[in-house]
Amino acid sequence: MKNAFLLACTICGYTFAQPPEENARDLAYCQTLATLYRTYIDSRGSRHLAPSADADIAIDKCNSGNTIGIRTLEHVLQRAKIDLPPRS
């Protein structure tokens, strides 16, 4: 029973693991979003939005290699009416 559980955990880990090239693309996209945020919102403020603590956290996550902040950055940029770059 214990071996079956370990096997199932291993299979799930490989199933949900992100391939390295996809992770690299996501990190590059995250960095691009962070640059847009810093350029158009953080540095001088947006017409519609003040700098966001959530966006700052998302950028910190991107800088540490975690792409979970992509959605937050996309949302903040879209609310500021800034076009998102294409995602490859």
N, C-alpha and C. Protein backbone atom coordinates (compact mmCIF):
# COMPACT_ATOMS: atom_id res chain seq x y z
N MET A 1 0.82 -1.19 0.00
CA MET A 1 0.00 0.00 0.00
C MET A 1 0.87 1.26 0.00
N LYS A 2 1.92 1.23 0.84
CA LYS A 2 2.81 2.38 0.91
C LYS A 2 3.50 2.62 -0.44
N ASN A 3 3.91 1.55 -1.10
CA ASN A 3 4.56 1.67 -2.41
C ASN A 3 3.62 2.23 -3.46
N ALA A 4 2.37 1.83 -3.40
CA ALA A 4 1.38 2.35 -4.36
C ALA A 4 1.18 3.84 -4.15
N PHE A 5 1.14 4.26 -2.89
CA PHE A 5 0.97 5.69 -2.59
C PHE A 5 2.17 6.48 -3.11
N LEU A 6 3.38 5.98 -2.86
CA LEU A 6 4.58 6.66 -3.34
C LEU A 6 4.63 6.73 -4.86
N LEU A 7 4.21 5.66 -5.50
CA LEU A 7 4.17 5.63 -6.96
C LEU A 7 3.16 6.67 -7.48
N ALA A 8 2.01 6.74 -6.85
CA ALA A 8 0.99 7.72 -7.26
C ALA A 8 1.50 9.14 -7.07
N CYS A 9 2.19 9.41 -5.96
CA CYS A 9 2.74 10.74 -5.73
C CYS A 9 3.79 11.10 -6.78
N THR A 10 4.61 10.13 -7.14
CA THR A 10 5.64 10.36 -8.15
C THR A 10 5.03 10.66 -9.51
N ILE A 11 4.02 9.90 -9.87
CA ILE A 11 3.35 10.11 -11.15
C ILE A 11 2.69 11.49 -11.19
N CYS A 12 2.02 11.88 -10.12
CA CYS A 12 1.38 13.20 -10.06
C CYS A 12 2.42 14.30 -10.16
N GLY A 13 3.55 14.11 -9.50
CA GLY A 13 4.61 15.12 -9.55
C GLY A 13 5.11 15.33 -10.96
N TYR A 14 5.30 14.24 -11.71
CA TYR A 14 5.75 14.37 -13.09
C TYR A 14 4.65 14.90 -14.00
N THR A 15 3.43 14.59 -13.69
CA THR A 15 2.32 15.05 -14.52
C THR A 15 2.15 16.56 -14.43
N PHE A 16 2.28 17.10 -13.23
CA PHE A 16 2.02 18.53 -13.03
C PHE A 16 3.27 19.39 -13.10
N ALA A 17 4.42 18.79 -13.24
CA ALA A 17 5.65 19.56 -13.33
C ALA A 17 5.69 20.28 -14.67
N GLN A 18 6.17 21.51 -14.64
CA GLN A 18 6.24 22.31 -15.85
C GLN A 18 7.57 22.05 -16.55
N PRO A 19 7.55 21.81 -17.86
CA PRO A 19 8.81 21.59 -18.58
C PRO A 19 9.72 22.81 -18.46
N PRO A 20 11.04 22.62 -18.43
CA PRO A 20 11.97 23.73 -18.24
C PRO A 20 11.83 24.84 -19.28
N GLU A 21 11.61 24.48 -20.55
CA GLU A 21 11.50 25.52 -21.58
C GLU A 21 10.23 26.35 -21.40
N GLU A 22 9.16 25.73 -20.95
CA GLU A 22 7.93 26.48 -20.70
C GLU A 22 8.11 27.39 -19.49
N ASN A 23 8.78 26.89 -18.47
CA ASN A 23 9.04 27.71 -17.29
C ASN A 23 9.92 28.90 -17.65
N ALA A 24 10.90 28.71 -18.51
CA ALA A 24 11.77 29.80 -18.94
C ALA A 24 10.97 30.86 -19.71
N ARG A 25 10.04 30.42 -20.56
CA ARG A 25 9.20 31.37 -21.29
C ARG A 25 8.31 32.15 -20.34
N ASP A 26 7.74 31.45 -19.35
CA ASP A 26 6.89 32.12 -18.37
C ASP A 26 7.69 33.13 -17.55
N LEU A 27 8.91 32.78 -17.17
CA LEU A 27 9.74 33.72 -16.43
C LEU A 27 10.08 34.94 -17.27
N ALA A 28 10.37 34.74 -18.53
CA ALA A 28 10.67 35.87 -19.42
C ALA A 28 9.44 36.76 -19.56
N TYR A 29 8.27 36.15 -19.70
CA TYR A 29 7.02 36.92 -19.81
C TYR A 29 6.77 37.69 -18.52
N CYS A 30 7.00 37.05 -17.40
CA CYS A 30 6.81 37.69 -16.10
C CYS A 30 7.73 38.91 -15.98
N GLN A 31 8.98 38.77 -16.40
CA GLN A 31 9.92 39.88 -16.35
C GLN A 31 9.49 41.02 -17.29
N THR A 32 8.94 40.67 -18.44
CA THR A 32 8.45 41.69 -19.37
C THR A 32 7.29 42.47 -18.74
N LEU A 33 6.38 41.74 -18.10
CA LEU A 33 5.26 42.40 -17.41
C LEU A 33 5.77 43.30 -16.29
N ALA A 34 6.76 42.83 -15.56
CA ALA A 34 7.33 43.62 -14.47
C ALA A 34 7.95 44.91 -15.00
N THR A 35 8.62 44.81 -16.14
CA THR A 35 9.23 45.99 -16.75
C THR A 35 8.16 46.98 -17.17
N LEU A 36 7.09 46.49 -17.79
CA LEU A 36 5.98 47.38 -18.17
C LEU A 36 5.38 48.06 -16.95
N TYR A 37 5.19 47.30 -15.89
CA TYR A 37 4.62 47.86 -14.67
C TYR A 37 5.53 48.97 -14.12
N ARG A 38 6.81 48.68 -14.04
CA ARG A 38 7.74 49.68 -13.51
C ARG A 38 7.78 50.92 -14.40
N THR A 39 7.70 50.72 -15.70
CA THR A 39 7.79 51.84 -16.64
C THR A 39 6.55 52.72 -16.60
N TYR A 40 5.37 52.11 -16.63
CA TYR A 40 4.15 52.89 -16.80
C TYR A 40 3.36 53.17 -15.53
N ILE A 41 3.57 52.40 -14.48
CA ILE A 41 2.76 52.61 -13.29
C ILE A 41 3.62 52.99 -12.10
N ASP A 42 4.62 52.20 -11.81
CA ASP A 42 5.40 52.39 -10.59
C ASP A 42 6.23 53.67 -10.61
N SER A 43 6.82 53.98 -11.74
CA SER A 43 7.75 55.10 -11.78
C SER A 43 7.07 56.46 -11.68
N ARG A 44 5.93 56.62 -12.32
CA ARG A 44 5.29 57.94 -12.29
C ARG A 44 3.81 57.88 -11.98
N GLY A 45 3.32 56.70 -11.69
CA GLY A 45 1.90 56.57 -11.40
C GLY A 45 1.10 56.53 -12.68
N SER A 46 0.02 55.84 -12.65
CA SER A 46 -0.85 55.72 -13.81
C SER A 46 -1.95 56.77 -13.72
N ARG A 47 -2.58 57.02 -14.84
CA ARG A 47 -3.74 57.91 -14.83
C ARG A 47 -4.84 57.34 -13.94
N HIS A 48 -4.92 56.01 -13.91
CA HIS A 48 -6.04 55.36 -13.23
C HIS A 48 -5.66 54.68 -11.92
N LEU A 49 -4.41 54.31 -11.76
CA LEU A 49 -4.02 53.49 -10.61
C LEU A 49 -2.76 54.00 -9.93
N ALA A 50 -2.73 53.84 -8.65
CA ALA A 50 -1.51 54.08 -7.89
C ALA A 50 -0.70 52.79 -7.88
N PRO A 51 0.57 52.87 -7.57
CA PRO A 51 1.36 51.63 -7.45
C PRO A 51 0.69 50.65 -6.49
N SER A 52 0.81 49.38 -6.79
CA SER A 52 0.10 48.33 -6.06
C SER A 52 1.07 47.46 -5.26
N ALA A 53 0.72 47.22 -3.99
CA ALA A 53 1.52 46.32 -3.16
C ALA A 53 1.46 44.90 -3.72
N ASP A 54 0.29 44.50 -4.25
CA ASP A 54 0.15 43.17 -4.85
C ASP A 54 1.09 43.01 -6.05
N ALA A 55 1.19 44.06 -6.85
CA ALA A 55 2.09 44.00 -8.01
C ALA A 55 3.54 43.92 -7.56
N ASP A 56 3.88 44.64 -6.50
CA ASP A 56 5.25 44.57 -5.98
C ASP A 56 5.59 43.16 -5.51
N ILE A 57 4.64 42.51 -4.85
CA ILE A 57 4.83 41.13 -4.40
C ILE A 57 4.99 40.21 -5.62
N ALA A 58 4.15 40.42 -6.64
CA ALA A 58 4.22 39.61 -7.86
C ALA A 58 5.58 39.76 -8.53
N ILE A 59 6.09 40.98 -8.56
CA ILE A 59 7.41 41.22 -9.17
C ILE A 59 8.49 40.53 -8.36
N ASP A 60 8.39 40.59 -7.04
CA ASP A 60 9.37 39.89 -6.20
C ASP A 60 9.34 38.39 -6.47
N LYS A 61 8.14 37.84 -6.66
CA LYS A 61 8.02 36.41 -6.97
C LYS A 61 8.66 36.10 -8.32
N CYS A 62 8.42 36.96 -9.32
CA CYS A 62 9.04 36.77 -10.63
C CYS A 62 10.56 36.79 -10.51
N ASN A 63 11.06 37.73 -9.73
CA ASN A 63 12.51 37.85 -9.56
C ASN A 63 13.12 36.64 -8.86
N SER A 64 12.29 35.94 -8.07
CA SER A 64 12.81 34.75 -7.38
C SER A 64 12.54 33.47 -8.17
N GLY A 65 12.00 33.61 -9.39
CA GLY A 65 11.79 32.44 -10.25
C GLY A 65 10.41 31.82 -10.14
N ASN A 66 9.49 32.48 -9.46
CA ASN A 66 8.13 31.97 -9.30
C ASN A 66 7.20 32.78 -10.20
N THR A 67 6.53 32.11 -11.11
CA THR A 67 5.69 32.81 -12.10
C THR A 67 4.24 32.99 -11.64
N ILE A 68 3.97 32.74 -10.38
CA ILE A 68 2.59 32.85 -9.90
C ILE A 68 2.07 34.29 -9.97
N GLY A 69 2.96 35.26 -10.06
CA GLY A 69 2.54 36.65 -10.10
C GLY A 69 2.09 37.14 -11.47
N ILE A 70 2.14 36.31 -12.47
CA ILE A 70 1.77 36.73 -13.83
C ILE A 70 0.34 37.26 -13.87
N ARG A 71 -0.59 36.54 -13.30
CA ARG A 71 -2.00 36.97 -13.33
C ARG A 71 -2.19 38.34 -12.69
N THR A 72 -1.53 38.55 -11.57
CA THR A 72 -1.65 39.83 -10.87
C THR A 72 -1.13 40.96 -11.74
N LEU A 73 0.05 40.76 -12.32
CA LEU A 73 0.62 41.81 -13.17
C LEU A 73 -0.23 42.07 -14.40
N GLU A 74 -0.74 41.00 -15.01
CA GLU A 74 -1.63 41.19 -16.17
C GLU A 74 -2.85 42.01 -15.77
N HIS A 75 -3.44 41.68 -14.65
CA HIS A 75 -4.65 42.37 -14.18
C HIS A 75 -4.37 43.86 -13.93
N VAL A 76 -3.28 44.16 -13.24
CA VAL A 76 -2.95 45.55 -12.93
C VAL A 76 -2.69 46.33 -14.22
N LEU A 77 -1.96 45.74 -15.15
CA LEU A 77 -1.67 46.43 -16.41
C LEU A 77 -2.94 46.64 -17.24
N GLN A 78 -3.80 45.64 -17.27
CA GLN A 78 -5.05 45.78 -18.03
C GLN A 78 -5.94 46.86 -17.42
N ARG A 79 -5.99 46.94 -16.10
CA ARG A 79 -6.79 47.99 -15.45
C ARG A 79 -6.25 49.38 -15.78
N ALA A 80 -4.95 49.48 -16.00
CA ALA A 80 -4.34 50.74 -16.37
C ALA A 80 -4.41 51.00 -17.88
N LYS A 81 -5.09 50.08 -18.57
CA LYS A 81 -5.27 50.19 -20.03
C LYS A 81 -3.94 50.17 -20.78
N ILE A 82 -3.05 49.30 -20.32
CA ILE A 82 -1.76 49.10 -20.97
C ILE A 82 -1.83 47.77 -21.70
N ASP A 83 -1.52 47.78 -22.99
CA ASP A 83 -1.57 46.57 -23.79
C ASP A 83 -0.54 45.57 -23.29
N LEU A 84 -0.98 44.31 -23.17
CA LEU A 84 -0.08 43.25 -22.75
C LEU A 84 0.75 42.77 -23.93
N PRO A 85 1.98 42.39 -23.68
CA PRO A 85 2.82 41.87 -24.76
C PRO A 85 2.33 40.47 -25.16
N PRO A 86 2.65 40.03 -26.36
CA PRO A 86 2.27 38.67 -26.74
C PRO A 86 2.99 37.66 -25.86
N ARG A 87 2.30 36.59 -25.55
CA ARG A 87 2.88 35.54 -24.72
C ARG A 87 3.24 34.37 -25.61
N SER A 88 4.53 34.08 -25.69
CA SER A 88 4.96 33.00 -26.59
C SER A 88 4.94 31.66 -25.93
